[in-house]
Amino acid sequence: MKVWQKNLILIVLVVLLAALPLWLLPNAEFGGADGQAEEVILENDPDYEPWFQPILEPASGEVESLLFALQAAVGAGIVGFVLGRVTRRPDGGEKS
């Protein structure tokens, strides 16, 4: 199997992995674990107070999502760079 075929299969699998939950569960609410954890904590201990408060509160949910996506993109870039450096071929190696 050629490299481009493997890459195409992987791309299709990633797209399916992202799209299937949205297609199979169109009215589902995909909430984060933070919100669910907060609900459970408040159910178990209504008088609970957090240990600290955020230094900067995002202006809206969209800004919070943007910052989260930016953080994920920077992290993926760093991981990709490190993996590329670790797995690169030495100079003069075989090329396919």
Protein backbone atom coordinates (compact mmCIF):
# COMPACT_ATOMS: atom_id res chain seq x y z
CA MET A 1 0.00 0.00 0.00
CA LYS A 2 1.37 3.39 -0.99
CA VAL A 3 1.87 6.25 1.44
CA TRP A 4 -0.82 8.43 -0.15
CA GLN A 5 -3.33 5.58 0.16
CA LYS A 6 -2.57 5.19 3.86
CA ASN A 7 -2.88 8.93 4.34
CA LEU A 8 -6.21 9.00 2.51
CA ILE A 9 -7.56 6.16 4.67
CA LEU A 10 -6.43 7.95 7.83
CA ILE A 11 -8.04 11.22 6.72
CA VAL A 12 -11.34 9.45 5.97
CA LEU A 13 -11.24 7.75 9.39
CA VAL A 14 -10.62 11.05 11.18
CA VAL A 15 -13.49 12.73 9.33
CA LEU A 16 -15.79 9.80 10.18
CA LEU A 17 -14.69 9.90 13.81
CA ALA A 18 -15.65 13.57 14.02
CA ALA A 19 -18.85 13.38 11.94
CA LEU A 20 -20.48 10.15 13.13
CA PRO A 21 -21.44 11.36 16.63
CA LEU A 22 -22.99 14.51 15.15
CA TRP A 23 -24.87 12.48 12.53
CA LEU A 24 -26.02 9.66 14.81
CA LEU A 25 -27.03 11.95 17.70
CA PRO A 26 -28.29 15.17 16.06
CA ASN A 27 -30.06 16.54 19.15
CA ALA A 28 -27.47 15.50 21.72
CA GLU A 29 -25.82 18.03 23.95
CA PHE A 30 -22.06 17.62 23.85
CA GLY A 31 -20.99 19.31 27.06
CA GLY A 32 -17.57 19.38 28.60
CA ALA A 33 -16.38 17.44 31.61
CA ASP A 34 -15.81 20.64 33.61
CA GLY A 35 -19.50 21.51 33.66
CA GLN A 36 -20.51 17.98 34.60
CA ALA A 37 -17.94 17.86 37.39
CA GLU A 38 -19.18 21.17 38.76
CA GLU A 39 -22.76 19.85 38.84
CA VAL A 40 -21.72 16.70 40.72
CA ILE A 41 -19.66 18.66 43.24
CA LEU A 42 -22.53 21.05 43.95
CA GLU A 43 -24.95 18.12 44.33
CA ASN A 44 -22.67 16.43 46.88
CA ASP A 45 -21.63 19.57 48.74
CA PRO A 46 -23.82 22.66 48.14
CA ASP A 47 -21.58 24.81 50.39
CA TYR A 48 -18.41 24.05 48.39
CA GLU A 49 -16.28 27.05 47.51
CA PRO A 50 -13.49 26.83 44.91
CA TRP A 51 -9.92 27.23 46.13
CA PHE A 52 -9.24 30.08 43.72
CA GLN A 53 -10.92 32.26 41.12
CA PRO A 54 -9.84 32.70 37.49
CA ILE A 55 -7.46 35.60 36.90
CA LEU A 56 -9.11 36.52 33.61
CA GLU A 57 -12.66 35.55 32.69
CA PRO A 58 -13.29 35.31 28.92
CA ALA A 59 -15.83 37.83 27.59
CA SER A 60 -18.08 35.15 26.11
CA GLY A 61 -18.36 31.46 25.33
CA GLU A 62 -17.09 32.09 21.82
CA VAL A 63 -13.90 33.70 23.12
CA GLU A 64 -13.43 30.80 25.52
CA SER A 65 -13.84 28.34 22.63
CA LEU A 66 -11.38 30.33 20.53
CA LEU A 67 -8.77 30.26 23.29
CA PHE A 68 -9.29 26.53 23.80
CA ALA A 69 -8.93 25.86 20.05
CA LEU A 70 -5.82 28.04 19.89
CA GLN A 71 -4.31 26.14 22.81
CA ALA A 72 -5.07 22.83 21.08
CA ALA A 73 -3.56 24.05 17.80
CA VAL A 74 -0.34 25.23 19.47
CA GLY A 75 -0.07 21.94 21.36
CA ALA A 76 -0.65 19.92 18.18
CA GLY A 77 1.98 22.00 16.39
CA ILE A 78 4.53 21.35 19.12
CA VAL A 79 3.78 17.62 19.21
CA GLY A 80 3.99 17.45 15.39
CA PHE A 81 7.28 19.34 15.37
CA VAL A 82 8.81 17.09 18.03
CA LEU A 83 7.61 13.92 16.32
CA GLY A 84 8.95 15.19 13.00
CA ARG A 85 12.36 15.92 14.52
CA VAL A 86 12.51 12.58 16.32
CA THR A 87 11.45 10.47 13.34
CA ARG A 88 13.27 12.32 10.54
CA ARG A 89 15.68 10.46 8.32
CA PRO A 90 19.37 11.20 8.74
CA ASP A 91 20.96 13.25 5.96
CA GLY A 92 21.83 11.09 2.98
CA GLY A 93 19.24 8.45 3.89
CA GLU A 94 16.98 6.69 1.46
CA LYS A 95 14.11 8.69 0.00
CA SER A 96 10.95 7.13 -1.38
